[in-house]
Amino acid sequence: MGDAAPAEQPEPRGARCQLFDPSMRSVARRMRTFQQWPRTAPVSARDLVEAGFFYVGPRDEVQCFCCGGVLKDWRPGDCPVVEHLSFFPSCKYFRGKDVGKEDVRSLQEIFDTVDGQFLSVLQGIVSEDTALPSEPEYPEMVTEEMRLSTFENWPRNSNMRPEQLARAGFFYTGQGDVVRCFYCDGGVRSWSFGDDPWREHAKWYPECEFLLHSRGREFVSSVQETFSTTLLAPSQLSTEEQLRRLQEERMCKVCMDKDVSVVFVPCGHLVACEECALNLRLCPICRAVIRGSVRAFMS
């Protein structure tokens, strides 16, 4: 006979998976670890516990009791469940495995406690059958890891973290602080302190299918409503901010250099310069098929 080895016995259906730290499968025990949790942290201890984390420190570092995954540097707007699924998608805590957590709620129950704007993100990550309706403009940048790898020469003095940009679908073009969405080809530049990549994505490219699939129509509509309200009340903005927004509005959303000068028909969007418009088949804003164009002259 050869060197064949006996096949491994299949895992019993009711067997529990191996946990990184079985002592922390209790919600109450994980909650007790957060006694020294920073009061200024942008996410709550309760949300972190529900997502399977316990506090290890220093600062805001937490760890999953099931997969052992560690996360830190939390930012305003972060959702612990979403971050957990994004960085550790194979964690059995969210895969219906028996981890012996009698007092831990099901994934659907966790969904019910999360802000509605994150629901589509969670469902999109968990469901492997969900697919985007069309092909991305840059299929080679479809993974967050690949997009993140383009930020090797990202300006060190920038206020934006490459991880945030890559997560929101952007990759670095290598020019200034210009990034592009791998799916809709929408470009954004001139990042300022406090900018949120997801909100900027929703502000300028509300019909991007990756954006809608990731954050949901409700989130995009909310951003658009806020943006429209701000445009109607420019007096509330500083002169510097008004100038920056005016420059953004007049800038070609494709080359991010020249001024817009072509109106697309039938959607009516004015978003590209004459040179870039010649190479477009779909409108960068609404993704509608371009049937014609009209030259516009900015005063």
C-alpha atoms as a PDB file:
ATOM      1  CA  MET A   1       0.000   0.000   0.000  1.00  0.00           C
ATOM      2  CA  GLY A   2       1.087   3.585  -0.470  1.00  0.00           C
ATOM      3  CA  ASP A   3       1.424   6.405   2.043  1.00  0.00           C
ATOM      4  CA  ALA A   4      -2.265   7.186   2.112  1.00  0.00           C
ATOM      5  CA  ALA A   5      -3.575   8.412   5.447  1.00  0.00           C
ATOM      6  CA  PRO A   6      -7.047   7.821   6.817  1.00  0.00           C
ATOM      7  CA  ALA A   7      -9.537  10.558   5.999  1.00  0.00           C
ATOM      8  CA  GLU A   8     -10.446  12.919   8.793  1.00  0.00           C
ATOM      9  CA  GLN A   9     -13.734  12.191  10.444  1.00  0.00           C
ATOM     10  CA  PRO A  10     -16.378  14.799   9.640  1.00  0.00           C
ATOM     11  CA  GLU A  11     -17.112  17.208  12.441  1.00  0.00           C
ATOM     12  CA  PRO A  12     -20.297  16.211  14.289  1.00  0.00           C
ATOM     13  CA  ARG A  13     -23.163  18.475  13.384  1.00  0.00           C
ATOM     14  CA  GLY A  14     -23.596  19.598  16.950  1.00  0.00           C
ATOM     15  CA  ALA A  15     -19.896  20.112  17.700  1.00  0.00           C
ATOM     16  CA  ARG A  16     -18.710  23.494  18.866  1.00  0.00           C
ATOM     17  CA  CYS A  17     -16.044  25.386  16.968  1.00  0.00           C
ATOM     18  CA  GLN A  18     -12.742  26.201  18.633  1.00  0.00           C
ATOM     19  CA  LEU A  19     -12.768  29.639  20.231  1.00  0.00           C
ATOM     20  CA  PHE A  20      -9.864  32.038  20.583  1.00  0.00           C
ATOM     21  CA  ASP A  21     -10.882  32.852  24.171  1.00  0.00           C
ATOM     22  CA  PRO A  22     -13.749  30.669  25.453  1.00  0.00           C
ATOM     23  CA  SER A  23     -13.839  32.585  28.735  1.00  0.00           C
ATOM     24  CA  MET A  24     -15.126  35.647  26.846  1.00  0.00           C
ATOM     25  CA  ARG A  25     -18.114  34.049  25.138  1.00  0.00           C
ATOM     26  CA  SER A  26     -20.304  35.529  27.866  1.00  0.00           C
ATOM     27  CA  VAL A  27     -21.758  38.953  27.069  1.00  0.00           C
ATOM     28  CA  ALA A  28     -21.585  39.980  30.726  1.00  0.00           C
ATOM     29  CA  ARG A  29     -17.935  39.006  31.024  1.00  0.00           C
ATOM     30  CA  ARG A  30     -16.993  40.908  27.869  1.00  0.00           C
ATOM     31  CA  MET A  31     -18.868  43.946  29.123  1.00  0.00           C
ATOM     32  CA  ARG A  32     -16.893  43.933  32.378  1.00  0.00           C
ATOM     33  CA  THR A  33     -13.639  44.318  30.429  1.00  0.00           C
ATOM     34  CA  PHE A  34     -14.764  47.773  29.279  1.00  0.00           C
ATOM     35  CA  GLN A  35     -14.464  49.449  32.686  1.00  0.00           C
ATOM     36  CA  GLN A  36     -11.464  51.432  31.413  1.00  0.00           C
ATOM     37  CA  TRP A  37     -12.928  52.078  27.954  1.00  0.00           C
ATOM     38  CA  PRO A  38     -12.125  55.694  26.906  1.00  0.00           C
ATOM     39  CA  ARG A  39     -15.126  57.939  27.475  1.00  0.00           C
ATOM     40  CA  THR A  40     -14.277  59.906  24.344  1.00  0.00           C
ATOM     41  CA  ALA A  41     -14.301  56.817  22.108  1.00  0.00           C
ATOM     42  CA  PRO A  42     -16.619  57.245  19.075  1.00  0.00           C
ATOM     43  CA  VAL A  43     -18.185  53.769  19.469  1.00  0.00           C
ATOM     44  CA  SER A  44     -19.960  52.387  22.517  1.00  0.00           C
ATOM     45  CA  ALA A  45     -18.880  49.438  24.643  1.00  0.00           C
ATOM     46  CA  ARG A  46     -22.342  47.913  24.200  1.00  0.00           C
ATOM     47  CA  ASP A  47     -22.052  47.858  20.405  1.00  0.00           C
ATOM     48  CA  LEU A  48     -18.571  46.346  20.597  1.00  0.00           C
ATOM     49  CA  VAL A  49     -19.719  43.630  22.995  1.00  0.00           C
ATOM     50  CA  GLU A  50     -22.656  42.750  20.745  1.00  0.00           C
ATOM     51  CA  ALA A  51     -20.201  42.421  17.856  1.00  0.00           C
ATOM     52  CA  GLY A  52     -18.202  39.839  19.835  1.00  0.00           C
ATOM     53  CA  PHE A  53     -15.398  42.056  21.130  1.00  0.00           C
ATOM     54  CA  PHE A  54     -13.834  42.443  24.563  1.00  0.00           C
ATOM     55  CA  TYR A  55     -11.484  45.243  25.611  1.00  0.00           C
ATOM     56  CA  VAL A  56      -7.740  44.555  25.690  1.00  0.00           C
ATOM     57  CA  GLY A  57      -6.221  48.049  25.404  1.00  0.00           C
ATOM     58  CA  PRO A  58      -4.235  50.141  25.152  1.00  0.00           C
ATOM     59  CA  ARG A  59      -6.425  53.061  24.072  1.00  0.00           C
ATOM     60  CA  ASP A  60      -9.315  51.645  21.982  1.00  0.00           C
ATOM     61  CA  GLU A  61      -7.973  48.200  21.026  1.00  0.00           C
ATOM     62  CA  VAL A  62     -10.491  45.349  21.168  1.00  0.00           C
ATOM     63  CA  GLN A  63     -10.399  41.653  20.292  1.00  0.00           C
ATOM     64  CA  CYS A  64     -12.968  39.080  19.166  1.00  0.00           C
ATOM     65  CA  PHE A  65     -13.465  36.199  21.598  1.00  0.00           C
ATOM     66  CA  CYS A  66     -14.226  33.837  18.700  1.00  0.00           C
ATOM     67  CA  CYS A  67     -11.725  34.508  15.876  1.00  0.00           C
ATOM     68  CA  GLY A  68      -9.149  36.512  17.844  1.00  0.00           C
ATOM     69  CA  GLY A  69      -9.311  39.415  15.393  1.00  0.00           C
ATOM     70  CA  VAL A  70      -8.034  42.736  16.763  1.00  0.00           C
ATOM     71  CA  LEU A  71      -9.361  46.168  15.771  1.00  0.00           C
ATOM     72  CA  LYS A  72      -8.392  49.650  16.922  1.00  0.00           C
ATOM     73  CA  ASP A  73      -8.321  53.313  15.846  1.00  0.00           C
ATOM     74  CA  TRP A  74     -12.102  53.630  15.813  1.00  0.00           C
ATOM     75  CA  ARG A  75     -13.547  56.636  13.996  1.00  0.00           C
ATOM     76  CA  PRO A  76     -16.908  58.435  14.161  1.00  0.00           C
ATOM     77  CA  GLY A  77     -19.457  56.534  12.099  1.00  0.00           C
ATOM     78  CA  ASP A  78     -17.757  53.138  12.469  1.00  0.00           C
ATOM     79  CA  CYS A  79     -20.113  50.226  13.130  1.00  0.00           C
ATOM     80  CA  PRO A  80     -18.463  47.377  15.121  1.00  0.00           C
ATOM     81  CA  VAL A  81     -20.462  44.645  13.370  1.00  0.00           C
ATOM     82  CA  VAL A  82     -19.617  46.022   9.928  1.00  0.00           C
ATOM     83  CA  GLU A  83     -15.923  46.407  10.781  1.00  0.00           C
ATOM     84  CA  HIS A  84     -15.825  42.894  12.243  1.00  0.00           C
ATOM     85  CA  LEU A  85     -17.343  41.393   9.108  1.00  0.00           C
ATOM     86  CA  SER A  86     -15.175  43.513   6.813  1.00  0.00           C
ATOM     87  CA  PHE A  87     -11.834  42.556   8.357  1.00  0.00           C
ATOM     88  CA  PHE A  88     -12.673  39.036   9.571  1.00  0.00           C
ATOM     89  CA  PRO A  89     -15.420  37.705   7.255  1.00  0.00           C
ATOM     90  CA  SER A  90     -14.724  34.075   8.211  1.00  0.00           C
ATOM     91  CA  CYS A  91     -15.381  34.587  11.920  1.00  0.00           C
ATOM     92  CA  LYS A  92     -17.685  31.763  13.024  1.00  0.00           C
ATOM     93  CA  TYR A  93     -19.486  34.102  15.413  1.00  0.00           C
ATOM     94  CA  PHE A  94     -21.428  35.342  12.372  1.00  0.00           C
ATOM     95  CA  ARG A  95     -21.598  32.041  10.506  1.00  0.00           C
ATOM     96  CA  GLY A  96     -24.169  30.215  12.583  1.00  0.00           C
ATOM     97  CA  LYS A  97     -21.609  27.975  14.300  1.00  0.00           C
ATOM     98  CA  ASP A  98     -22.188  26.762  17.844  1.00  0.00           C
ATOM     99  CA  VAL A  99     -19.776  28.755  19.992  1.00  0.00           C
ATOM    100  CA  GLY A 100     -21.542  27.949  23.235  1.00  0.00           C
ATOM    101  CA  LYS A 101     -22.818  31.492  23.633  1.00  0.00           C
ATOM    102  CA  GLU A 102     -26.224  30.832  25.146  1.00  0.00           C
ATOM    103  CA  ASP A 103     -26.667  34.468  26.151  1.00  0.00           C
ATOM    104  CA  VAL A 104     -25.422  35.935  22.863  1.00  0.00           C
ATOM    105  CA  ARG A 105     -28.049  36.982  20.350  1.00  0.00           C
ATOM    106  CA  SER A 106     -28.316  35.730  16.794  1.00  0.00           C
ATOM    107  CA  LEU A 107     -26.897  37.666  13.851  1.00  0.00           C
ATOM    108  CA  GLN A 108     -30.395  38.718  12.776  1.00  0.00           C
ATOM    109  CA  GLU A 109     -31.023  40.109  16.252  1.00  0.00           C
ATOM    110  CA  ILE A 110     -27.769  42.037  16.000  1.00  0.00           C
ATOM    111  CA  PHE A 111     -28.931  43.386  12.638  1.00  0.00           C
ATOM    112  CA  ASP A 112     -32.068  44.676  14.335  1.00  0.00           C
ATOM    113  CA  THR A 113     -30.018  46.794  16.771  1.00  0.00           C
ATOM    114  CA  VAL A 114     -27.859  48.417  14.104  1.00  0.00           C
ATOM    115  CA  ASP A 115     -28.653  51.733  12.475  1.00  0.00           C
ATOM    116  CA  GLY A 116     -30.653  51.185   9.297  1.00  0.00           C
ATOM    117  CA  GLN A 117     -27.998  52.747   7.080  1.00  0.00           C
ATOM    118  CA  PHE A 118     -25.671  49.823   7.842  1.00  0.00           C
ATOM    119  CA  LEU A 119     -28.172  47.043   7.220  1.00  0.00           C
ATOM    120  CA  SER A 120     -27.458  46.676   3.517  1.00  0.00           C
ATOM    121  CA  VAL A 121     -23.719  46.561   4.257  1.00  0.00           C
ATOM    122  CA  LEU A 122     -24.137  43.731   6.722  1.00  0.00           C
ATOM    123  CA  GLN A 123     -26.416  41.732   4.488  1.00  0.00           C
ATOM    124  CA  GLY A 124     -24.141  42.302   1.508  1.00  0.00           C
ATOM    125  CA  ILE A 125     -21.118  40.980   3.398  1.00  0.00           C
ATOM    126  CA  VAL A 126     -22.858  37.974   4.899  1.00  0.00           C
ATOM    127  CA  SER A 127     -24.682  36.881   1.753  1.00  0.00           C
ATOM    128  CA  GLU A 128     -22.246  35.376  -0.717  1.00  0.00           C
ATOM    129  CA  ASP A 129     -24.995  35.145  -3.330  1.00  0.00           C
ATOM    130  CA  THR A 130     -25.473  38.910  -3.591  1.00  0.00           C
ATOM    131  CA  ALA A 131     -23.822  40.437  -6.651  1.00  0.00           C
ATOM    132  CA  LEU A 132     -23.622  43.891  -8.182  1.00  0.00           C
ATOM    133  CA  PRO A 133     -25.743  44.321 -11.316  1.00  0.00           C
ATOM    134  CA  SER A 134     -22.953  45.379 -13.691  1.00  0.00           C
ATOM    135  CA  GLU A 135     -19.200  45.220 -14.172  1.00  0.00           C
ATOM    136  CA  PRO A 136     -16.899  47.731 -12.416  1.00  0.00           C
ATOM    137  CA  GLU A 137     -14.871  50.218 -14.424  1.00  0.00           C
ATOM    138  CA  TYR A 138     -11.668  48.875 -12.844  1.00  0.00           C
ATOM    139  CA  PRO A 139     -12.181  45.133 -12.210  1.00  0.00           C
ATOM    140  CA  GLU A 140      -8.563  44.769 -11.093  1.00  0.00           C
ATOM    141  CA  MET A 141      -9.398  47.009  -8.108  1.00  0.00           C
ATOM    142  CA  VAL A 142     -12.427  45.064  -6.941  1.00  0.00           C
ATOM    143  CA  THR A 143     -10.834  43.962  -3.650  1.00  0.00           C
ATOM    144  CA  GLU A 144     -10.182  46.375  -0.805  1.00  0.00           C
ATOM    145  CA  GLU A 145      -6.704  44.903  -0.391  1.00  0.00           C
ATOM    146  CA  MET A 146      -5.782  45.715  -3.990  1.00  0.00           C
ATOM    147  CA  ARG A 147      -7.100  49.263  -3.680  1.00  0.00           C
ATOM    148  CA  LEU A 148      -5.177  49.771  -0.459  1.00  0.00           C
ATOM    149  CA  SER A 149      -1.950  48.683  -2.162  1.00  0.00           C
ATOM    150  CA  THR A 150      -2.159  51.700  -4.502  1.00  0.00           C
ATOM    151  CA  PHE A 151      -1.660  54.132  -1.593  1.00  0.00           C
ATOM    152  CA  GLU A 152       2.047  53.425  -1.176  1.00  0.00           C
ATOM    153  CA  ASN A 153       2.942  57.010  -2.170  1.00  0.00           C
ATOM    154  CA  TRP A 154      -0.109  58.672  -0.639  1.00  0.00           C
ATOM    155  CA  PRO A 155       0.791  62.186   0.652  1.00  0.00           C
ATOM    156  CA  ARG A 156       1.939  61.908   4.247  1.00  0.00           C
ATOM    157  CA  ASN A 157       0.459  65.273   5.142  1.00  0.00           C
ATOM    158  CA  SER A 158      -3.027  64.227   4.042  1.00  0.00           C
ATOM    159  CA  ASN A 159      -5.779  64.148   6.656  1.00  0.00           C
ATOM    160  CA  MET A 160      -7.304  61.048   5.081  1.00  0.00           C
ATOM    161  CA  ARG A 161      -6.336  57.490   5.970  1.00  0.00           C
ATOM    162  CA  PRO A 162      -5.840  55.132   3.005  1.00  0.00           C
ATOM    163  CA  GLU A 163      -7.825  52.438   4.834  1.00  0.00           C
ATOM    164  CA  GLN A 164     -10.895  54.678   4.928  1.00  0.00           C
ATOM    165  CA  LEU A 165     -10.609  55.569   1.260  1.00  0.00           C
ATOM    166  CA  ALA A 166     -10.047  51.987   0.100  1.00  0.00           C
ATOM    167  CA  ARG A 167     -13.003  50.785   2.155  1.00  0.00           C
ATOM    168  CA  ALA A 168     -15.224  53.371   0.456  1.00  0.00           C
ATOM    169  CA  GLY A 169     -14.244  51.992  -2.957  1.00  0.00           C
ATOM    170  CA  PHE A 170     -11.429  54.391  -3.837  1.00  0.00           C
ATOM    171  CA  PHE A 171      -7.930  53.696  -5.124  1.00  0.00           C
ATOM    172  CA  TYR A 172      -5.075  56.199  -5.444  1.00  0.00           C
ATOM    173  CA  THR A 173      -4.265  57.606  -8.888  1.00  0.00           C
ATOM    174  CA  GLY A 174      -0.761  58.701  -7.915  1.00  0.00           C
ATOM    175  CA  GLN A 175      -1.536  62.385  -8.552  1.00  0.00           C
ATOM    176  CA  GLY A 176      -1.834  64.769  -5.608  1.00  0.00           C
ATOM    177  CA  ASP A 177      -4.645  63.473  -3.399  1.00  0.00           C
ATOM    178  CA  VAL A 178      -6.854  62.348  -6.296  1.00  0.00           C
ATOM    179  CA  VAL A 179      -8.663  59.040  -5.798  1.00  0.00           C
ATOM    180  CA  ARG A 180     -11.120  57.173  -8.007  1.00  0.00           C
ATOM    181  CA  CYS A 181     -13.903  54.713  -7.351  1.00  0.00           C
ATOM    182  CA  PHE A 182     -13.096  51.312  -8.825  1.00  0.00           C
ATOM    183  CA  TYR A 183     -16.738  50.830  -9.766  1.00  0.00           C
ATOM    184  CA  CYS A 184     -18.145  54.110 -11.102  1.00  0.00           C
ATOM    185  CA  ASP A 185     -14.811  55.795 -11.988  1.00  0.00           C
ATOM    186  CA  GLY A 186     -15.842  58.840  -9.965  1.00  0.00           C
ATOM    187  CA  GLY A 187     -12.907  60.963  -8.822  1.00  0.00           C
ATOM    188  CA  VAL A 188     -12.505  63.031  -5.654  1.00  0.00           C
ATOM    189  CA  ARG A 189      -9.676  65.315  -4.564  1.00  0.00           C
ATOM    190  CA  SER A 190      -8.859  68.241  -2.228  1.00  0.00           C
ATOM    191  CA  TRP A 191      -9.630  66.256   0.914  1.00  0.00           C
ATOM    192  CA  SER A 192     -10.047  68.281   4.101  1.00  0.00           C
ATOM    193  CA  PHE A 193      -9.928  67.405   7.779  1.00  0.00           C
ATOM    194  CA  GLY A 194     -13.170  65.738   8.840  1.00  0.00           C
ATOM    195  CA  ASP A 195     -14.192  64.574   5.352  1.00  0.00           C
ATOM    196  CA  ASP A 196     -15.913  61.191   5.264  1.00  0.00           C
ATOM    197  CA  PRO A 197     -15.068  59.147   2.117  1.00  0.00           C
ATOM    198  CA  TRP A 198     -18.470  57.451   2.107  1.00  0.00           C
ATOM    199  CA  ARG A 199     -20.293  60.789   2.338  1.00  0.00           C
ATOM    200  CA  GLU A 200     -18.134  62.366  -0.378  1.00  0.00           C
ATOM    201  CA  HIS A 201     -18.813  59.330  -2.550  1.00  0.00           C
ATOM    202  CA  ALA A 202     -22.545  59.733  -1.971  1.00  0.00           C
ATOM    203  CA  LYS A 203     -22.401  63.500  -2.480  1.00  0.00           C
ATOM    204  CA  TRP A 204     -20.802  63.426  -5.925  1.00  0.00           C
ATOM    205  CA  TYR A 205     -21.743  59.998  -7.312  1.00  0.00           C
ATOM    206  CA  PRO A 206     -25.098  59.024  -5.767  1.00  0.00           C
ATOM    207  CA  GLU A 207     -25.919  56.435  -8.441  1.00  0.00           C
ATOM    208  CA  CYS A 208     -22.728  54.390  -8.024  1.00  0.00           C
ATOM    209  CA  GLU A 209     -23.940  50.810  -7.693  1.00  0.00           C
ATOM    210  CA  PHE A 210     -21.104  49.844  -5.349  1.00  0.00           C
ATOM    211  CA  LEU A 211     -22.045  52.738  -3.066  1.00  0.00           C
ATOM    212  CA  LEU A 212     -25.744  51.861  -3.116  1.00  0.00           C
ATOM    213  CA  HIS A 213     -24.992  48.184  -2.562  1.00  0.00           C
ATOM    214  CA  SER A 214     -22.668  48.973   0.353  1.00  0.00           C
ATOM    215  CA  ARG A 215     -24.482  51.757   2.199  1.00  0.00           C
ATOM    216  CA  GLY A 216     -28.034  51.666   0.898  1.00  0.00           C
ATOM    217  CA  ARG A 217     -30.305  54.171  -0.804  1.00  0.00           C
ATOM    218  CA  GLU A 218     -31.404  55.685   2.516  1.00  0.00           C
ATOM    219  CA  PHE A 219     -27.850  56.731   3.399  1.00  0.00           C
ATOM    220  CA  VAL A 220     -27.215  58.215  -0.057  1.00  0.00           C
ATOM    221  CA  SER A 221     -30.507  60.120  -0.021  1.00  0.00           C
ATOM    222  CA  SER A 222     -29.685  61.531   3.409  1.00  0.00           C
ATOM    223  CA  VAL A 223     -26.309  62.797   2.187  1.00  0.00           C
ATOM    224  CA  GLN A 224     -27.871  64.296  -0.931  1.00  0.00           C
ATOM    225  CA  GLU A 225     -30.509  66.070   1.140  1.00  0.00           C
ATOM    226  CA  THR A 226     -27.878  67.520   3.472  1.00  0.00           C
ATOM    227  CA  PHE A 227     -25.727  68.581   0.530  1.00  0.00           C
ATOM    228  CA  SER A 228     -28.661  70.305  -1.187  1.00  0.00           C
ATOM    229  CA  THR A 229     -29.565  72.163   2.003  1.00  0.00           C
ATOM    230  CA  THR A 230     -25.982  73.366   2.379  1.00  0.00           C
ATOM    231  CA  LEU A 231     -25.931  74.635  -1.198  1.00  0.00           C
ATOM    232  CA  LEU A 232     -29.052  76.665  -0.505  1.00  0.00           C
ATOM    233  CA  ALA A 233     -27.429  78.353   2.499  1.00  0.00           C
ATOM    234  CA  PRO A 234     -23.898  79.327   1.374  1.00  0.00           C
ATOM    235  CA  SER A 235     -23.813  82.290   3.753  1.00  0.00           C
ATOM    236  CA  GLN A 236     -23.308  79.849   6.625  1.00  0.00           C
ATOM    237  CA  LEU A 237     -19.998  78.699   5.139  1.00  0.00           C
ATOM    238  CA  SER A 238     -16.652  80.433   5.391  1.00  0.00           C
ATOM    239  CA  THR A 239     -15.316  82.218   2.315  1.00  0.00           C
ATOM    240  CA  GLU A 240     -12.589  79.598   2.000  1.00  0.00           C
ATOM    241  CA  GLU A 241     -15.118  76.745   2.104  1.00  0.00           C
ATOM    242  CA  GLN A 242     -17.393  78.479  -0.418  1.00  0.00           C
ATOM    243  CA  LEU A 243     -14.438  78.870  -2.787  1.00  0.00           C
ATOM    244  CA  ARG A 244     -13.445  75.222  -2.352  1.00  0.00           C
ATOM    245  CA  ARG A 245     -16.961  74.020  -3.117  1.00  0.00           C
ATOM    246  CA  LEU A 246     -17.232  76.280  -6.138  1.00  0.00           C
ATOM    247  CA  GLN A 247     -13.991  74.843  -7.487  1.00  0.00           C
ATOM    248  CA  GLU A 248     -15.273  71.303  -6.879  1.00  0.00           C
ATOM    249  CA  GLU A 249     -18.522  72.027  -8.699  1.00  0.00           C
ATOM    250  CA  ARG A 250     -16.728  73.455 -11.742  1.00  0.00           C
ATOM    251  CA  MET A 251     -14.049  70.754 -11.863  1.00  0.00           C
ATOM    252  CA  CYS A 252     -14.289  67.929 -14.395  1.00  0.00           C
ATOM    253  CA  LYS A 253     -15.159  64.792 -12.418  1.00  0.00           C
ATOM    254  CA  VAL A 254     -13.115  62.630 -14.794  1.00  0.00           C
ATOM    255  CA  CYS A 255      -9.697  64.267 -15.210  1.00  0.00           C
ATOM    256  CA  MET A 256     -10.066  66.318 -11.999  1.00  0.00           C
ATOM    257  CA  ASP A 257      -8.191  69.115 -13.744  1.00  0.00           C
ATOM    258  CA  LYS A 258     -10.107  71.117 -16.363  1.00  0.00           C
ATOM    259  CA  ASP A 259     -13.440  72.895 -15.908  1.00  0.00           C
ATOM    260  CA  VAL A 260     -16.707  71.196 -16.832  1.00  0.00           C
ATOM    261  CA  SER A 261     -18.009  72.296 -20.231  1.00  0.00           C
ATOM    262  CA  VAL A 262     -20.319  69.579 -21.599  1.00  0.00           C
ATOM    263  CA  VAL A 263     -23.926  68.795 -20.643  1.00  0.00           C
ATOM    264  CA  PHE A 264     -24.958  65.185 -21.216  1.00  0.00           C
ATOM    265  CA  VAL A 265     -28.249  64.324 -22.906  1.00  0.00           C
ATOM    266  CA  PRO A 266     -30.761  63.164 -21.746  1.00  0.00           C
ATOM    267  CA  CYS A 267     -29.734  63.255 -18.047  1.00  0.00           C
ATOM    268  CA  GLY A 268     -28.613  66.910 -18.126  1.00  0.00           C
ATOM    269  CA  HIS A 269     -25.575  66.512 -15.872  1.00  0.00           C
ATOM    270  CA  LEU A 270     -22.683  68.956 -16.304  1.00  0.00           C
ATOM    271  CA  VAL A 271     -19.713  66.995 -14.973  1.00  0.00           C
ATOM    272  CA  ALA A 272     -17.010  66.644 -17.643  1.00  0.00           C
ATOM    273  CA  CYS A 273     -14.707  68.748 -19.777  1.00  0.00           C
ATOM    274  CA  GLU A 274     -14.910  68.554 -23.570  1.00  0.00           C
ATOM    275  CA  GLU A 275     -11.932  66.210 -23.889  1.00  0.00           C
ATOM    276  CA  CYS A 276     -13.094  63.713 -21.267  1.00  0.00           C
ATOM    277  CA  ALA A 277     -16.689  63.747 -22.499  1.00  0.00           C
ATOM    278  CA  LEU A 278     -15.578  62.200 -25.795  1.00  0.00           C
ATOM    279  CA  ASN A 279     -14.434  59.047 -23.988  1.00  0.00           C
ATOM    280  CA  LEU A 280     -17.521  58.506 -21.834  1.00  0.00           C
ATOM    281  CA  ARG A 281     -20.385  56.139 -22.577  1.00  0.00           C
ATOM    282  CA  LEU A 282     -22.172  56.504 -19.237  1.00  0.00           C
ATOM    283  CA  CYS A 283     -22.720  59.622 -17.140  1.00  0.00           C
ATOM    284  CA  PRO A 284     -20.343  59.505 -14.121  1.00  0.00           C
ATOM    285  CA  ILE A 285     -23.093  60.845 -11.858  1.00  0.00           C
ATOM    286  CA  CYS A 286     -26.244  58.877 -12.692  1.00  0.00           C
ATOM    287  CA  ARG A 287     -24.760  56.095 -14.884  1.00  0.00           C
ATOM    288  CA  ALA A 288     -27.331  56.836 -17.603  1.00  0.00           C
ATOM    289  CA  VAL A 289     -26.362  56.088 -21.208  1.00  0.00           C
ATOM    290  CA  ILE A 290     -25.163  59.277 -22.936  1.00  0.00           C
ATOM    291  CA  ARG A 291     -27.244  59.831 -26.085  1.00  0.00           C
ATOM    292  CA  GLY A 292     -25.770  63.211 -26.945  1.00  0.00           C
ATOM    293  CA  SER A 293     -24.074  66.276 -25.503  1.00  0.00           C
ATOM    294  CA  VAL A 294     -24.301  70.062 -25.538  1.00  0.00           C
ATOM    295  CA  ARG A 295     -21.384  72.457 -25.091  1.00  0.00           C
ATOM    296  CA  ALA A 296     -21.796  74.756 -22.080  1.00  0.00           C
ATOM    297  CA  PHE A 297     -19.952  78.010 -21.452  1.00  0.00           C
ATOM    298  CA  MET A 298     -19.215  78.974 -17.847  1.00  0.00           C
ATOM    299  CA  SER A 299     -19.391  82.691 -17.080  1.00  0.00           C
END
